[in-house]
Amino acid sequence: MNPKSLEARNRDDNPFEGLKISNSSTLDGVSNRSPCPRCGKSRMYFCYTCFVPVSCLEGRIPICSLPIKVDIIKHKREIDGKSTAAHAAVLAPCDVNVYTYPEIPEYVIDGRTVLLYPGTEARTVKELFTGKCNPQTYTQNVLAHLPSGYNVGTLMTKIFSHNNGNNEIYHAEELPINRLVLIDSTWNQSRGIFADKRLQKIPQIVLQNRISQFWRHQKGSPRWYLSTIEALHQLLLELHMNAWGRSILYENELTKHFPIHTQENHTLCKPYDGQYDNLLYFFKYMYEKLHTLYKHDDLLAYKRPMEI
């Protein structure tokens, strides 16, 4: 897809339309840096090392409750102030932990912990529910579409048609996983972390295509290389809506291809109605703030190709 095409422009005009993200006017009132209540360092909005809001915002930002635990493994060279991993840790403090590589927790390999990474044996979220793997390996699935200059190990995409990919609700009693491991780094750095034997043994999953709205440019990467917070949000969308569908009252560009839950006999199902959208609270605010200073078409991050 051409980034200047009508479809691309439509996606970028209002990328958060339909998402249930809390009003960020509280952040507008913060005009100066404030001390972190833990380390005392001067920060804007939140401390990206202690993962807490600054003193003047304590108790005034939304807190998300996630259905799984999330461990983010951060590359030591990843710049804290530029990473979106801190967004997750600040907004979901009870469910998200951040570690700096080579620190990695010990994981029980029981199928309930997965690593979000497009390894050659990665499965889709849908396949977590079916227990089946596509007989065509991940590598075979993408090699035919591999753009010149890209390595299959860095591709975060596994494409299915909308007619076949997301049209079933599994009415699960519980989610098939309880812990997600994420690598927070540039794509080149992530391959070095993924080579660690402690992560190699964790089952891998991949996401469906999603166009990134992240303003940080990575040279040579297409628009579907997601930021950490976007990847976490997308994973939770896919996990929840495969399990329980979405509410008839909830629709946006990210979820319109997922089925609506309408069966009254499945009373235990909890259709998606924006439960995790506040993970994008800081992301949306910073995106909009940046776009008051710069034109969208002038930012290199949004000139990247959208096709594979």
C-alpha atoms as a PDB file:
ATOM      1  CA  MET A   1       0.000   0.000   0.000  1.00  0.00           C
ATOM      2  CA  ASN A   2       1.262   3.421  -0.931  1.00  0.00           C
ATOM      3  CA  PRO A   3       1.508   5.635   2.212  1.00  0.00           C
ATOM      4  CA  LYS A   4      -0.032   8.458   0.162  1.00  0.00           C
ATOM      5  CA  SER A   5      -2.990   6.396  -1.044  1.00  0.00           C
ATOM      6  CA  LEU A   6      -6.573   7.249  -0.086  1.00  0.00           C
ATOM      7  CA  GLU A   7      -6.804   4.166   2.161  1.00  0.00           C
ATOM      8  CA  ALA A   8      -3.598   5.111   3.968  1.00  0.00           C
ATOM      9  CA  ARG A   9      -4.776   8.691   4.488  1.00  0.00           C
ATOM     10  CA  ASN A  10      -8.119   7.462   5.834  1.00  0.00           C
ATOM     11  CA  ARG A  11      -6.339   5.301   8.417  1.00  0.00           C
ATOM     12  CA  ASP A  12      -4.176   8.197   9.526  1.00  0.00           C
ATOM     13  CA  ASP A  13      -6.850  10.917   9.680  1.00  0.00           C
ATOM     14  CA  ASN A  14      -8.156   9.772  13.057  1.00  0.00           C
ATOM     15  CA  PRO A  15      -6.426   6.524  14.037  1.00  0.00           C
ATOM     16  CA  PHE A  16      -7.971   6.415  17.527  1.00  0.00           C
ATOM     17  CA  GLU A  17     -11.575   6.940  16.462  1.00  0.00           C
ATOM     18  CA  GLY A  18     -13.884   4.476  18.193  1.00  0.00           C
ATOM     19  CA  LEU A  19     -11.347   3.498  20.866  1.00  0.00           C
ATOM     20  CA  LYS A  20     -12.446   4.057  24.460  1.00  0.00           C
ATOM     21  CA  ILE A  21      -9.513   6.091  25.736  1.00  0.00           C
ATOM     22  CA  SER A  22      -9.986   8.394  28.728  1.00  0.00           C
ATOM     23  CA  ASN A  23      -9.967  12.146  28.266  1.00  0.00           C
ATOM     24  CA  SER A  24      -6.406  13.442  28.538  1.00  0.00           C
ATOM     25  CA  SER A  25      -7.199  17.024  29.556  1.00  0.00           C
ATOM     26  CA  THR A  26      -5.474  16.298  32.871  1.00  0.00           C
ATOM     27  CA  LEU A  27      -2.189  16.049  30.976  1.00  0.00           C
ATOM     28  CA  ASP A  28      -2.803  19.402  29.299  1.00  0.00           C
ATOM     29  CA  GLY A  29      -2.525  21.012  32.717  1.00  0.00           C
ATOM     30  CA  VAL A  30       1.052  19.787  33.119  1.00  0.00           C
ATOM     31  CA  SER A  31       3.281  22.498  31.677  1.00  0.00           C
ATOM     32  CA  ASN A  32       6.480  21.879  33.625  1.00  0.00           C
ATOM     33  CA  ARG A  33       8.501  18.919  34.758  1.00  0.00           C
ATOM     34  CA  SER A  34       7.786  17.543  38.224  1.00  0.00           C
ATOM     35  CA  PRO A  35       9.799  15.349  40.592  1.00  0.00           C
ATOM     36  CA  CYS A  36       9.265  11.614  40.529  1.00  0.00           C
ATOM     37  CA  PRO A  37       7.762  10.631  43.904  1.00  0.00           C
ATOM     38  CA  ARG A  38      10.252   7.743  44.158  1.00  0.00           C
ATOM     39  CA  CYS A  39      13.609   8.794  42.723  1.00  0.00           C
ATOM     40  CA  GLY A  40      13.076  12.563  42.781  1.00  0.00           C
ATOM     41  CA  LYS A  41      14.306  13.060  39.224  1.00  0.00           C
ATOM     42  CA  SER A  42      12.638  15.689  37.083  1.00  0.00           C
ATOM     43  CA  ARG A  43      10.127  14.095  34.700  1.00  0.00           C
ATOM     44  CA  MET A  44       7.229  15.029  32.425  1.00  0.00           C
ATOM     45  CA  TYR A  45       3.968  13.110  33.021  1.00  0.00           C
ATOM     46  CA  PHE A  46       5.621   9.945  34.405  1.00  0.00           C
ATOM     47  CA  CYS A  47       8.975   8.545  35.450  1.00  0.00           C
ATOM     48  CA  TYR A  48      10.268   6.169  32.791  1.00  0.00           C
ATOM     49  CA  THR A  49      12.653   4.463  35.207  1.00  0.00           C
ATOM     50  CA  CYS A  50      10.390   4.047  38.254  1.00  0.00           C
ATOM     51  CA  PHE A  51       7.203   3.619  36.166  1.00  0.00           C
ATOM     52  CA  VAL A  52       5.014   5.905  38.256  1.00  0.00           C
ATOM     53  CA  PRO A  53       3.211   9.156  37.373  1.00  0.00           C
ATOM     54  CA  VAL A  54       4.817  12.383  38.534  1.00  0.00           C
ATOM     55  CA  SER A  55       3.605  13.775  41.837  1.00  0.00           C
ATOM     56  CA  CYS A  56       1.036  16.166  40.353  1.00  0.00           C
ATOM     57  CA  LEU A  57      -0.633  13.317  38.420  1.00  0.00           C
ATOM     58  CA  GLU A  58      -0.819  10.700  41.164  1.00  0.00           C
ATOM     59  CA  GLY A  59      -4.329   9.263  41.248  1.00  0.00           C
ATOM     60  CA  ARG A  60      -5.377  11.257  38.165  1.00  0.00           C
ATOM     61  CA  ILE A  61      -4.563   8.903  35.287  1.00  0.00           C
ATOM     62  CA  PRO A  62      -6.489   5.756  34.267  1.00  0.00           C
ATOM     63  CA  ILE A  63      -5.280   2.397  35.529  1.00  0.00           C
ATOM     64  CA  CYS A  64      -5.778  -0.696  33.386  1.00  0.00           C
ATOM     65  CA  SER A  65      -6.454  -4.189  34.672  1.00  0.00           C
ATOM     66  CA  LEU A  66      -5.108  -6.818  32.271  1.00  0.00           C
ATOM     67  CA  PRO A  67      -6.273 -10.450  32.000  1.00  0.00           C
ATOM     68  CA  ILE A  68      -2.677 -11.737  31.840  1.00  0.00           C
ATOM     69  CA  LYS A  69       0.693 -10.831  33.305  1.00  0.00           C
ATOM     70  CA  VAL A  70       3.186  -9.110  31.015  1.00  0.00           C
ATOM     71  CA  ASP A  71       6.984  -9.183  31.250  1.00  0.00           C
ATOM     72  CA  ILE A  72       8.837  -6.707  29.044  1.00  0.00           C
ATOM     73  CA  ILE A  73      12.505  -7.480  28.353  1.00  0.00           C
ATOM     74  CA  LYS A  74      14.200  -4.205  27.457  1.00  0.00           C
ATOM     75  CA  HIS A  75      17.444  -3.898  25.518  1.00  0.00           C
ATOM     76  CA  LYS A  76      20.049  -2.055  27.607  1.00  0.00           C
ATOM     77  CA  ARG A  77      20.640   0.366  24.714  1.00  0.00           C
ATOM     78  CA  GLU A  78      16.966   1.175  24.296  1.00  0.00           C
ATOM     79  CA  ILE A  79      16.497   4.817  25.267  1.00  0.00           C
ATOM     80  CA  ASP A  80      14.098   4.902  28.220  1.00  0.00           C
ATOM     81  CA  GLY A  81      12.528   8.216  27.313  1.00  0.00           C
ATOM     82  CA  LYS A  82      11.772   7.091  23.760  1.00  0.00           C
ATOM     83  CA  SER A  83      10.375   3.656  24.521  1.00  0.00           C
ATOM     84  CA  THR A  84       6.648   3.005  24.972  1.00  0.00           C
ATOM     85  CA  ALA A  85       7.290   0.121  27.379  1.00  0.00           C
ATOM     86  CA  ALA A  86       7.000   2.612  30.239  1.00  0.00           C
ATOM     87  CA  HIS A  87       3.443   3.434  29.131  1.00  0.00           C
ATOM     88  CA  ALA A  88       2.406  -0.146  29.876  1.00  0.00           C
ATOM     89  CA  ALA A  89       4.164  -0.266  33.230  1.00  0.00           C
ATOM     90  CA  VAL A  90       2.664   3.055  34.380  1.00  0.00           C
ATOM     91  CA  LEU A  91      -0.877   2.347  33.182  1.00  0.00           C
ATOM     92  CA  ALA A  92      -1.029  -1.316  34.270  1.00  0.00           C
ATOM     93  CA  PRO A  93       1.242  -1.377  37.331  1.00  0.00           C
ATOM     94  CA  CYS A  94      -0.247  -4.554  38.819  1.00  0.00           C
ATOM     95  CA  ASP A  95       0.211  -6.603  35.672  1.00  0.00           C
ATOM     96  CA  VAL A  96       3.344  -5.342  33.871  1.00  0.00           C
ATOM     97  CA  ASN A  97       6.984  -5.781  34.873  1.00  0.00           C
ATOM     98  CA  VAL A  98       9.991  -4.412  32.978  1.00  0.00           C
ATOM     99  CA  TYR A  99      13.410  -6.089  32.992  1.00  0.00           C
ATOM    100  CA  THR A 100      16.654  -4.930  31.401  1.00  0.00           C
ATOM    101  CA  TYR A 101      18.439  -7.621  29.397  1.00  0.00           C
ATOM    102  CA  PRO A 102      20.276  -9.849  30.311  1.00  0.00           C
ATOM    103  CA  GLU A 103      17.927 -10.036  33.314  1.00  0.00           C
ATOM    104  CA  ILE A 104      15.203 -12.539  32.407  1.00  0.00           C
ATOM    105  CA  PRO A 105      12.879 -14.261  34.901  1.00  0.00           C
ATOM    106  CA  GLU A 106      12.736 -18.043  35.106  1.00  0.00           C
ATOM    107  CA  TYR A 107       9.693 -19.326  33.229  1.00  0.00           C
ATOM    108  CA  VAL A 108       7.820 -22.585  33.569  1.00  0.00           C
ATOM    109  CA  ILE A 109       7.370 -24.010  30.060  1.00  0.00           C
ATOM    110  CA  ASP A 110       3.798 -25.212  30.390  1.00  0.00           C
ATOM    111  CA  GLY A 111       2.197 -23.609  27.344  1.00  0.00           C
ATOM    112  CA  ARG A 112       0.657 -20.845  29.436  1.00  0.00           C
ATOM    113  CA  THR A 113       3.566 -18.443  28.883  1.00  0.00           C
ATOM    114  CA  VAL A 114       4.241 -17.192  25.351  1.00  0.00           C
ATOM    115  CA  LEU A 115       6.766 -14.895  23.705  1.00  0.00           C
ATOM    116  CA  LEU A 116       5.535 -12.327  21.204  1.00  0.00           C
ATOM    117  CA  TYR A 117       8.095 -12.742  18.456  1.00  0.00           C
ATOM    118  CA  PRO A 118       7.896 -13.823  14.802  1.00  0.00           C
ATOM    119  CA  GLY A 119      10.110 -16.871  15.062  1.00  0.00           C
ATOM    120  CA  THR A 120       9.925 -19.553  12.402  1.00  0.00           C
ATOM    121  CA  GLU A 121       7.640 -21.728  14.565  1.00  0.00           C
ATOM    122  CA  ALA A 122       5.401 -18.915  15.770  1.00  0.00           C
ATOM    123  CA  ARG A 123       1.651 -19.461  15.968  1.00  0.00           C
ATOM    124  CA  THR A 124      -1.182 -16.977  15.668  1.00  0.00           C
ATOM    125  CA  VAL A 125      -3.370 -16.044  18.621  1.00  0.00           C
ATOM    126  CA  LYS A 126      -6.219 -17.945  16.970  1.00  0.00           C
ATOM    127  CA  GLU A 127      -4.098 -21.104  17.019  1.00  0.00           C
ATOM    128  CA  LEU A 128      -3.747 -20.782  20.800  1.00  0.00           C
ATOM    129  CA  PHE A 129      -7.477 -21.506  20.998  1.00  0.00           C
ATOM    130  CA  THR A 130      -7.674 -24.265  18.400  1.00  0.00           C
ATOM    131  CA  GLY A 131      -4.564 -26.065  19.581  1.00  0.00           C
ATOM    132  CA  LYS A 132      -3.694 -26.544  15.934  1.00  0.00           C
ATOM    133  CA  CYS A 133      -0.804 -25.136  13.956  1.00  0.00           C
ATOM    134  CA  ASN A 134      -1.012 -24.137  10.331  1.00  0.00           C
ATOM    135  CA  PRO A 135       0.631 -27.038   8.461  1.00  0.00           C
ATOM    136  CA  GLN A 136       2.526 -24.442   6.460  1.00  0.00           C
ATOM    137  CA  THR A 137       5.347 -23.138   8.634  1.00  0.00           C
ATOM    138  CA  TYR A 138       5.607 -19.454   9.414  1.00  0.00           C
ATOM    139  CA  THR A 139       8.726 -19.180   7.273  1.00  0.00           C
ATOM    140  CA  GLN A 140       7.014 -20.727   4.266  1.00  0.00           C
ATOM    141  CA  ASN A 141       3.989 -18.521   4.786  1.00  0.00           C
ATOM    142  CA  VAL A 142       5.909 -15.266   4.434  1.00  0.00           C
ATOM    143  CA  LEU A 143       8.847 -16.088   2.180  1.00  0.00           C
ATOM    144  CA  ALA A 144       6.791 -15.569  -0.951  1.00  0.00           C
ATOM    145  CA  HIS A 145       5.994 -12.027   0.217  1.00  0.00           C
ATOM    146  CA  LEU A 146       9.391 -11.156   1.656  1.00  0.00           C
ATOM    147  CA  PRO A 147      10.431  -7.663   0.542  1.00  0.00           C
ATOM    148  CA  SER A 148      13.965  -7.139  -0.696  1.00  0.00           C
ATOM    149  CA  GLY A 149      16.413  -6.518   2.134  1.00  0.00           C
ATOM    150  CA  TYR A 150      14.300  -8.022   4.953  1.00  0.00           C
ATOM    151  CA  ASN A 151      15.078 -11.083   7.015  1.00  0.00           C
ATOM    152  CA  VAL A 152      12.232 -13.456   7.817  1.00  0.00           C
ATOM    153  CA  GLY A 153      13.225 -13.380  11.494  1.00  0.00           C
ATOM    154  CA  THR A 154      12.224  -9.721  11.757  1.00  0.00           C
ATOM    155  CA  LEU A 155       8.791  -9.909  10.152  1.00  0.00           C
ATOM    156  CA  MET A 156       5.910  -9.398  12.532  1.00  0.00           C
ATOM    157  CA  THR A 157       3.085 -10.475  10.270  1.00  0.00           C
ATOM    158  CA  LYS A 158       1.118 -13.591   9.482  1.00  0.00           C
ATOM    159  CA  ILE A 159      -1.666 -12.796   7.100  1.00  0.00           C
ATOM    160  CA  PHE A 160      -5.038 -14.465   6.761  1.00  0.00           C
ATOM    161  CA  SER A 161      -8.009 -13.201   4.827  1.00  0.00           C
ATOM    162  CA  HIS A 162     -10.657 -11.435   6.877  1.00  0.00           C
ATOM    163  CA  ASN A 163     -13.150 -14.089   5.799  1.00  0.00           C
ATOM    164  CA  ASN A 164     -11.094 -16.889   7.338  1.00  0.00           C
ATOM    165  CA  GLY A 165      -8.985 -15.301  10.045  1.00  0.00           C
ATOM    166  CA  ASN A 166     -11.200 -13.815  12.740  1.00  0.00           C
ATOM    167  CA  ASN A 167     -14.743 -15.050  12.162  1.00  0.00           C
ATOM    168  CA  GLU A 168     -15.125 -17.448  15.069  1.00  0.00           C
ATOM    169  CA  ILE A 169     -15.707 -16.899  18.791  1.00  0.00           C
ATOM    170  CA  TYR A 170     -14.458 -19.744  20.971  1.00  0.00           C
ATOM    171  CA  HIS A 171     -16.554 -18.901  24.091  1.00  0.00           C
ATOM    172  CA  ALA A 172     -13.616 -19.920  26.258  1.00  0.00           C
ATOM    173  CA  GLU A 173     -14.003 -20.475  29.989  1.00  0.00           C
ATOM    174  CA  GLU A 174     -10.525 -19.019  30.422  1.00  0.00           C
ATOM    175  CA  LEU A 175      -7.806 -17.565  28.242  1.00  0.00           C
ATOM    176  CA  PRO A 176      -5.264 -20.054  26.867  1.00  0.00           C
ATOM    177  CA  ILE A 177      -2.301 -18.122  28.316  1.00  0.00           C
ATOM    178  CA  ASN A 178      -1.625 -16.279  31.561  1.00  0.00           C
ATOM    179  CA  ARG A 179       1.709 -14.598  30.804  1.00  0.00           C
ATOM    180  CA  LEU A 180       3.162 -12.723  27.836  1.00  0.00           C
ATOM    181  CA  VAL A 181       6.826 -11.934  27.283  1.00  0.00           C
ATOM    182  CA  LEU A 182       7.639  -8.919  25.082  1.00  0.00           C
ATOM    183  CA  ILE A 183      10.992  -7.711  23.766  1.00  0.00           C
ATOM    184  CA  ASP A 184      11.363  -3.922  23.846  1.00  0.00           C
ATOM    185  CA  SER A 185      14.042  -2.792  21.417  1.00  0.00           C
ATOM    186  CA  THR A 186      14.638  -1.889  17.814  1.00  0.00           C
ATOM    187  CA  TRP A 187      14.060  -4.793  15.454  1.00  0.00           C
ATOM    188  CA  ASN A 188      17.776  -5.276  14.864  1.00  0.00           C
ATOM    189  CA  GLN A 189      18.416  -5.401  18.625  1.00  0.00           C
ATOM    190  CA  SER A 190      15.519  -7.792  19.234  1.00  0.00           C
ATOM    191  CA  ARG A 191      17.150 -10.547  17.228  1.00  0.00           C
ATOM    192  CA  GLY A 192      20.106 -10.563  19.602  1.00  0.00           C
ATOM    193  CA  ILE A 193      17.840 -10.893  22.643  1.00  0.00           C
ATOM    194  CA  PHE A 194      15.728 -13.570  20.965  1.00  0.00           C
ATOM    195  CA  ALA A 195      18.877 -15.672  20.458  1.00  0.00           C
ATOM    196  CA  ASP A 196      19.093 -16.130  24.247  1.00  0.00           C
ATOM    197  CA  LYS A 197      18.428 -19.792  25.092  1.00  0.00           C
ATOM    198  CA  ARG A 198      16.127 -18.779  27.955  1.00  0.00           C
ATOM    199  CA  LEU A 199      13.743 -17.183  25.468  1.00  0.00           C
ATOM    200  CA  GLN A 200      14.210 -19.711  22.673  1.00  0.00           C
ATOM    201  CA  LYS A 201      12.386 -22.374  24.671  1.00  0.00           C
ATOM    202  CA  ILE A 202       9.254 -20.240  25.150  1.00  0.00           C
ATOM    203  CA  PRO A 203       6.476 -20.838  22.571  1.00  0.00           C
ATOM    204  CA  GLN A 204       6.199 -17.914  20.171  1.00  0.00           C
ATOM    205  CA  ILE A 205       3.161 -16.129  18.796  1.00  0.00           C
ATOM    206  CA  VAL A 206       2.660 -13.470  16.113  1.00  0.00           C
ATOM    207  CA  LEU A 207       0.069 -10.801  15.484  1.00  0.00           C
ATOM    208  CA  GLN A 208      -2.199  -9.982  12.593  1.00  0.00           C
ATOM    209  CA  ASN A 209      -1.300  -6.934  10.527  1.00  0.00           C
ATOM    210  CA  ARG A 210      -1.784  -3.532  12.138  1.00  0.00           C
ATOM    211  CA  ILE A 211      -0.516  -0.204  10.870  1.00  0.00           C
ATOM    212  CA  SER A 212       1.718   1.524  13.413  1.00  0.00           C
ATOM    213  CA  GLN A 213       1.063   5.119  14.427  1.00  0.00           C
ATOM    214  CA  PHE A 214       4.388   5.380  16.271  1.00  0.00           C
ATOM    215  CA  TRP A 215       6.258   8.570  15.434  1.00  0.00           C
ATOM    216  CA  ARG A 216       9.734   7.148  16.055  1.00  0.00           C
ATOM    217  CA  HIS A 217      11.335   6.341  12.714  1.00  0.00           C
ATOM    218  CA  GLN A 218      13.213   3.094  12.151  1.00  0.00           C
ATOM    219  CA  LYS A 219      15.047   3.230   8.847  1.00  0.00           C
ATOM    220  CA  GLY A 220      14.052   0.488   6.431  1.00  0.00           C
ATOM    221  CA  SER A 221      11.089  -0.788   8.446  1.00  0.00           C
ATOM    222  CA  PRO A 222       7.515  -0.942   7.116  1.00  0.00           C
ATOM    223  CA  ARG A 223       4.523   0.623   8.883  1.00  0.00           C
ATOM    224  CA  TRP A 224       3.426  -2.664  10.434  1.00  0.00           C
ATOM    225  CA  TYR A 225       6.453  -2.761  12.756  1.00  0.00           C
ATOM    226  CA  LEU A 226       4.605  -1.862  15.944  1.00  0.00           C
ATOM    227  CA  SER A 227       5.791  -0.024  19.013  1.00  0.00           C
ATOM    228  CA  THR A 228       5.768  -2.037  22.244  1.00  0.00           C
ATOM    229  CA  ILE A 229       2.532  -0.514  23.562  1.00  0.00           C
ATOM    230  CA  GLU A 230       0.761  -0.991  20.218  1.00  0.00           C
ATOM    231  CA  ALA A 231       1.887  -4.634  20.091  1.00  0.00           C
ATOM    232  CA  LEU A 232       0.596  -5.277  23.617  1.00  0.00           C
ATOM    233  CA  HIS A 233      -2.745  -3.620  22.826  1.00  0.00           C
ATOM    234  CA  GLN A 234      -3.099  -5.634  19.608  1.00  0.00           C
ATOM    235  CA  LEU A 235      -2.289  -8.906  21.386  1.00  0.00           C
ATOM    236  CA  LEU A 236      -4.940  -8.244  24.021  1.00  0.00           C
ATOM    237  CA  LEU A 237      -7.513  -7.352  21.357  1.00  0.00           C
ATOM    238  CA  GLU A 238      -6.897 -10.593  19.483  1.00  0.00           C
ATOM    239  CA  LEU A 239      -6.823 -12.673  22.660  1.00  0.00           C
ATOM    240  CA  HIS A 240     -10.045 -11.223  24.079  1.00  0.00           C
ATOM    241  CA  MET A 241     -12.054 -11.216  20.853  1.00  0.00           C
ATOM    242  CA  ASN A 242     -11.080 -14.737  19.868  1.00  0.00           C
ATOM    243  CA  ALA A 243     -12.255 -15.827  23.317  1.00  0.00           C
ATOM    244  CA  TRP A 244     -15.428 -13.757  23.678  1.00  0.00           C
ATOM    245  CA  GLY A 245     -16.004 -11.581  20.608  1.00  0.00           C
ATOM    246  CA  ARG A 246     -16.774  -7.882  20.715  1.00  0.00           C
ATOM    247  CA  SER A 247     -19.726  -5.873  21.902  1.00  0.00           C
ATOM    248  CA  ILE A 248     -22.286  -4.817  19.317  1.00  0.00           C
ATOM    249  CA  LEU A 249     -21.694  -1.259  20.552  1.00  0.00           C
ATOM    250  CA  TYR A 250     -17.931  -1.350  19.922  1.00  0.00           C
ATOM    251  CA  GLU A 251     -16.404  -0.907  16.482  1.00  0.00           C
ATOM    252  CA  ASN A 252     -13.356   0.767  14.988  1.00  0.00           C
ATOM    253  CA  GLU A 253     -10.782   0.135  12.281  1.00  0.00           C
ATOM    254  CA  LEU A 254      -8.810  -2.236  14.505  1.00  0.00           C
ATOM    255  CA  THR A 255     -11.748  -4.464  15.431  1.00  0.00           C
ATOM    256  CA  LYS A 256     -14.325  -4.256  12.651  1.00  0.00           C
ATOM    257  CA  HIS A 257     -13.284  -7.645  11.234  1.00  0.00           C
ATOM    258  CA  PHE A 258     -13.788  -9.448  14.551  1.00  0.00           C
ATOM    259  CA  PRO A 259     -17.190 -11.055  15.170  1.00  0.00           C
ATOM    260  CA  ILE A 260     -19.870  -9.502  17.368  1.00  0.00           C
ATOM    261  CA  HIS A 261     -20.959 -11.573  20.358  1.00  0.00           C
ATOM    262  CA  THR A 262     -24.730 -12.039  20.136  1.00  0.00           C
ATOM    263  CA  GLN A 263     -25.401 -15.451  21.700  1.00  0.00           C
ATOM    264  CA  GLU A 264     -27.281 -15.006  24.951  1.00  0.00           C
ATOM    265  CA  ASN A 265     -26.710 -18.617  26.026  1.00  0.00           C
ATOM    266  CA  HIS A 266     -23.002 -17.900  26.542  1.00  0.00           C
ATOM    267  CA  THR A 267     -23.504 -15.867  29.692  1.00  0.00           C
ATOM    268  CA  LEU A 268     -19.902 -16.228  30.908  1.00  0.00           C
ATOM    269  CA  CYS A 269     -18.487 -14.487  27.839  1.00  0.00           C
ATOM    270  CA  LYS A 270     -17.200 -10.948  28.287  1.00  0.00           C
ATOM    271  CA  PRO A 271     -17.396  -9.255  24.855  1.00  0.00           C
ATOM    272  CA  TYR A 272     -14.737  -6.658  24.188  1.00  0.00           C
ATOM    273  CA  ASP A 273     -15.918  -3.135  24.872  1.00  0.00           C
ATOM    274  CA  GLY A 274     -12.674  -1.193  25.095  1.00  0.00           C
ATOM    275  CA  GLN A 275     -11.361  -2.746  28.315  1.00  0.00           C
ATOM    276  CA  TYR A 276      -7.676  -2.311  27.347  1.00  0.00           C
ATOM    277  CA  ASP A 277      -7.870   0.802  25.177  1.00  0.00           C
ATOM    278  CA  ASN A 278      -6.487   3.003  27.954  1.00  0.00           C
ATOM    279  CA  LEU A 279      -3.127   1.327  27.411  1.00  0.00           C
ATOM    280  CA  LEU A 280      -2.908   3.897  24.598  1.00  0.00           C
ATOM    281  CA  TYR A 281      -3.671   6.826  26.924  1.00  0.00           C
ATOM    282  CA  PHE A 282      -0.175   8.359  26.819  1.00  0.00           C
ATOM    283  CA  PHE A 283       0.436   7.146  23.269  1.00  0.00           C
ATOM    284  CA  LYS A 284      -2.647   8.923  21.891  1.00  0.00           C
ATOM    285  CA  TYR A 285      -1.861  12.097  23.816  1.00  0.00           C
ATOM    286  CA  MET A 286       1.731  12.242  22.557  1.00  0.00           C
ATOM    287  CA  TYR A 287       0.661  11.418  19.000  1.00  0.00           C
ATOM    288  CA  GLU A 288      -1.825  14.280  18.998  1.00  0.00           C
ATOM    289  CA  LYS A 289       0.602  16.675  20.667  1.00  0.00           C
ATOM    290  CA  LEU A 290       3.267  15.878  18.089  1.00  0.00           C
ATOM    291  CA  HIS A 291       0.781  16.454  15.288  1.00  0.00           C
ATOM    292  CA  THR A 292       0.092  19.976  16.536  1.00  0.00           C
ATOM    293  CA  LEU A 293       3.781  20.734  15.967  1.00  0.00           C
ATOM    294  CA  TYR A 294       4.439  18.831  12.737  1.00  0.00           C
ATOM    295  CA  LYS A 295       2.469  17.874   9.667  1.00  0.00           C
ATOM    296  CA  HIS A 296       1.773  14.164   9.468  1.00  0.00           C
ATOM    297  CA  ASP A 297       3.138  13.892   5.927  1.00  0.00           C
ATOM    298  CA  ASP A 298       6.413  15.535   6.960  1.00  0.00           C
ATOM    299  CA  LEU A 299       7.294  12.882   9.542  1.00  0.00           C
ATOM    300  CA  LEU A 300       9.552  10.116   8.220  1.00  0.00           C
ATOM    301  CA  ALA A 301       7.862   7.429  10.343  1.00  0.00           C
ATOM    302  CA  TYR A 302       4.655   7.807   8.323  1.00  0.00           C
ATOM    303  CA  LYS A 303       6.376   7.688   4.944  1.00  0.00           C
ATOM    304  CA  ARG A 304       7.395   4.071   5.417  1.00  0.00           C
ATOM    305  CA  PRO A 305       5.824   1.519   3.026  1.00  0.00           C
ATOM    306  CA  MET A 306       2.664  -0.219   4.206  1.00  0.00           C
ATOM    307  CA  GLU A 307       2.888  -3.197   1.892  1.00  0.00           C
ATOM    308  CA  ILE A 308       4.905  -6.381   2.157  1.00  0.00           C
END
